[in-house]
Amino acid sequence: MTVDSGLDHDIQRNTATEKQYFYRFHSPHLHLMRVFGDDWFALKAEAFARFFGTPFFLVVQTLVVAVWILVNVFGLTRFDIYPFILLNLAFSLQAAYAAPLILLAQTRQADRDKANGLADAQHREELHQASEQRLAMSVQQMSLLVEMMGQNTQLTETVKSLTERVETLTQEVHKAVCTRH
């Protein structure tokens, strides 16, 4: 194992950990991350539904229809003459499969968006509660600090008073000792 491949492995593991941390509030809704589920058919149906909306599909379909019409109008073949009934049938068949797949994809996406919205709302609520707890704790700490400052002031005044009293007593003792001699 080279140093680079070990580093790549560590980066991939850290990226996966960061992704897991990022989605920690979405974990109850991870089953909705796939549009149609996780089986083979679901993955192919999702890819098919996504493909219908691409510019590539529209361009290819337009080219196929144009070639179909030109071939049949100029008489190069006679399998689907002017009212193009076979072409209409192909469009109907395409629409019969495309519409339900697209609607299903939209419905599942709406469910996924709703679940993610709920997870985001839960996350925001937890952040709000944590913020309120920090605010309450800071207010409590501030009041404790004010109380301690008051006690400190009182102790300072007591020390000053006792110091003055000691000084007065020292002076009286000094006078008494000095007047005797």
Protein backbone atom coordinates (compact mmCIF):
# COMPACT_ATOMS: atom_id res chain seq x y z
CA MET A 1 0.00 0.00 0.00
CA THR A 2 1.46 3.32 -1.01
CA VAL A 3 1.29 6.49 0.98
CA ASP A 4 -1.00 8.10 -1.62
CA SER A 5 -3.55 5.27 -1.57
CA GLY A 6 -3.54 5.29 2.25
CA LEU A 7 -4.10 9.04 2.17
CA ASP A 8 -6.91 8.64 -0.37
CA HIS A 9 -8.52 6.01 1.87
CA ASP A 10 -8.30 8.37 4.89
CA ILE A 11 -9.80 11.24 2.85
CA GLN A 12 -12.67 9.02 1.68
CA ARG A 13 -13.30 7.85 5.26
CA ASN A 14 -13.23 11.45 6.57
CA THR A 15 -15.56 12.55 3.76
CA ALA A 16 -17.98 9.75 4.62
CA THR A 17 -17.81 10.71 8.31
CA GLU A 18 -18.44 14.37 7.48
CA LYS A 19 -21.38 13.40 5.25
CA GLN A 20 -22.80 11.22 8.03
CA TYR A 21 -22.39 14.11 10.49
CA PHE A 22 -24.02 16.53 8.05
CA TYR A 23 -27.07 14.28 7.66
CA ARG A 24 -27.35 13.35 11.38
CA PHE A 25 -30.75 15.02 11.69
CA HIS A 26 -31.95 13.43 8.44
CA SER A 27 -31.17 9.84 9.49
CA PRO A 28 -34.80 8.99 10.39
CA HIS A 29 -35.72 9.85 6.79
CA LEU A 30 -32.89 8.16 4.89
CA HIS A 31 -35.28 5.54 3.48
CA LEU A 32 -36.73 8.33 1.33
CA MET A 33 -33.39 9.30 -0.23
CA ARG A 34 -33.96 6.99 -3.22
CA VAL A 35 -36.90 8.10 -5.31
CA PHE A 36 -38.36 4.63 -6.05
CA GLY A 37 -36.60 2.47 -3.49
CA ASP A 38 -33.39 0.46 -3.71
CA ASP A 39 -34.27 -2.46 -5.96
CA TRP A 40 -33.17 -2.88 -9.58
CA PHE A 41 -36.48 -1.83 -11.09
CA ALA A 42 -36.65 1.25 -8.91
CA LEU A 43 -33.20 2.42 -9.94
CA LYS A 44 -33.95 1.87 -13.64
CA ALA A 45 -37.33 3.61 -13.34
CA GLU A 46 -35.70 6.60 -11.65
CA ALA A 47 -33.06 6.82 -14.38
CA PHE A 48 -35.77 6.53 -17.04
CA ALA A 49 -37.90 9.29 -15.47
CA ARG A 50 -34.88 11.57 -15.13
CA PHE A 51 -33.85 10.93 -18.74
CA PHE A 52 -37.18 12.23 -20.11
CA GLY A 53 -36.39 15.77 -19.01
CA THR A 54 -32.96 16.02 -20.58
CA PRO A 55 -32.16 18.09 -23.68
CA PHE A 56 -30.45 15.02 -25.18
CA PHE A 57 -33.73 13.08 -25.09
CA LEU A 58 -35.66 15.95 -26.69
CA VAL A 59 -33.11 16.40 -29.47
CA VAL A 60 -32.90 12.66 -30.22
CA GLN A 61 -36.68 12.26 -30.19
CA THR A 62 -37.07 15.24 -32.53
CA LEU A 63 -34.50 13.79 -34.92
CA VAL A 64 -36.15 10.33 -34.88
CA VAL A 65 -39.59 11.84 -35.56
CA ALA A 66 -38.22 14.05 -38.36
CA VAL A 67 -36.47 11.08 -40.03
CA TRP A 68 -39.61 8.93 -39.55
CA ILE A 69 -41.81 11.54 -41.26
CA LEU A 70 -39.32 12.27 -44.07
CA VAL A 71 -38.79 8.58 -44.85
CA ASN A 72 -42.54 7.98 -45.04
CA VAL A 73 -43.45 11.21 -46.90
CA PHE A 74 -40.83 10.76 -49.63
CA GLY A 75 -41.85 7.15 -50.13
CA LEU A 76 -38.59 5.53 -49.11
CA THR A 77 -40.76 3.10 -47.15
CA ARG A 78 -44.46 2.52 -46.70
CA PHE A 79 -44.73 1.14 -43.14
CA ASP A 80 -46.44 4.31 -41.75
CA ILE A 81 -48.02 6.54 -44.41
CA TYR A 82 -49.45 10.04 -43.99
CA PRO A 83 -51.68 10.13 -40.92
CA PHE A 84 -48.71 8.42 -39.21
CA ILE A 85 -50.86 6.12 -37.08
CA LEU A 86 -47.89 4.04 -35.96
CA LEU A 87 -46.03 7.20 -34.88
CA ASN A 88 -49.09 8.33 -32.92
CA LEU A 89 -49.25 4.90 -31.31
CA ALA A 90 -45.58 5.16 -30.35
CA PHE A 91 -46.19 8.59 -28.77
CA SER A 92 -49.22 7.25 -26.90
CA LEU A 93 -47.22 4.31 -25.61
CA GLN A 94 -44.40 6.60 -24.55
CA ALA A 95 -46.85 8.92 -22.77
CA ALA A 96 -48.58 5.96 -21.10
CA TYR A 97 -45.32 4.94 -19.46
CA ALA A 98 -43.67 8.34 -19.03
CA ALA A 99 -46.51 10.14 -17.27
CA PRO A 100 -46.92 7.67 -14.38
CA LEU A 101 -43.16 7.41 -13.90
CA ILE A 102 -42.76 11.18 -13.83
CA LEU A 103 -45.74 11.61 -11.50
CA LEU A 104 -44.39 8.90 -9.23
CA ALA A 105 -40.99 10.59 -9.20
CA GLN A 106 -42.59 13.94 -8.33
CA THR A 107 -44.69 12.40 -5.56
CA ARG A 108 -41.71 10.61 -4.04
CA GLN A 109 -39.61 13.77 -4.36
CA ALA A 110 -42.32 15.73 -2.55
CA ASP A 111 -42.34 13.10 0.22
CA ARG A 112 -38.57 13.29 0.44
CA ASP A 113 -38.66 17.10 0.52
CA LYS A 114 -41.29 16.98 3.27
CA ALA A 115 -39.22 14.56 5.35
CA ASN A 116 -36.09 16.67 4.87
CA GLY A 117 -38.08 19.78 5.80
CA LEU A 118 -39.25 18.09 8.98
CA ALA A 119 -35.68 17.07 9.80
CA ASP A 120 -34.51 20.65 9.17
CA ALA A 121 -37.31 22.01 11.38
CA GLN A 122 -36.35 19.58 14.13
CA HIS A 123 -32.73 20.67 13.79
CA ARG A 124 -33.69 24.35 13.97
CA GLU A 125 -35.83 23.65 17.04
CA GLU A 126 -32.94 21.87 18.75
CA LEU A 127 -30.65 24.79 17.91
CA HIS A 128 -33.23 27.21 19.33
CA GLN A 129 -33.53 25.19 22.54
CA ALA A 130 -29.74 25.02 22.89
CA SER A 131 -29.56 28.78 22.35
CA GLU A 132 -32.20 29.39 25.01
CA GLN A 133 -30.35 27.10 27.42
CA ARG A 134 -27.11 29.00 26.81
CA LEU A 135 -28.92 32.30 27.34
CA ALA A 136 -30.50 31.07 30.61
CA MET A 137 -27.13 29.78 31.77
CA SER A 138 -25.42 33.08 30.96
CA VAL A 139 -28.15 35.01 32.86
CA GLN A 140 -27.68 32.68 35.83
CA GLN A 141 -23.91 33.07 35.68
CA MET A 142 -24.27 36.85 35.39
CA SER A 143 -26.51 37.02 38.48
CA LEU A 144 -24.06 34.78 40.36
CA LEU A 145 -21.22 37.06 39.28
CA VAL A 146 -23.14 40.16 40.48
CA GLU A 147 -23.82 38.44 43.80
CA MET A 148 -20.15 37.48 44.16
CA MET A 149 -19.10 41.05 43.34
CA GLY A 150 -21.46 42.31 46.06
CA GLN A 151 -19.96 39.86 48.54
CA ASN A 152 -16.48 40.91 47.45
CA THR A 153 -17.39 44.58 48.00
CA GLN A 154 -18.78 43.75 51.45
CA LEU A 155 -15.63 41.79 52.32
CA THR A 156 -13.45 44.65 51.09
CA GLU A 157 -15.37 47.10 53.28
CA THR A 158 -15.08 44.73 56.26
CA VAL A 159 -11.33 44.36 55.67
CA LYS A 160 -11.01 48.16 55.43
CA SER A 161 -12.99 48.62 58.65
CA LEU A 162 -10.91 46.00 60.45
CA THR A 163 -7.70 47.52 59.10
CA GLU A 164 -8.77 50.95 60.37
CA ARG A 165 -9.68 49.39 63.73
CA VAL A 166 -6.30 47.61 63.92
CA GLU A 167 -4.58 50.88 63.05
CA THR A 168 -6.53 52.74 65.76
CA LEU A 169 -5.73 50.05 68.32
CA THR A 170 -2.09 50.08 67.26
CA GLN A 171 -1.96 53.83 67.76
CA GLU A 172 -3.62 53.54 71.20
CA VAL A 173 -1.21 50.79 72.23
CA HIS A 174 1.67 52.89 70.93
CA LYS A 175 0.45 55.93 72.95
CA ALA A 176 0.01 53.83 76.04
CA VAL A 177 3.47 52.34 75.73
CA CYS A 178 5.07 55.71 74.94
CA THR A 179 3.37 57.57 77.84
CA ARG A 180 4.55 55.00 80.41
CA HIS A 181 8.18 55.47 79.65
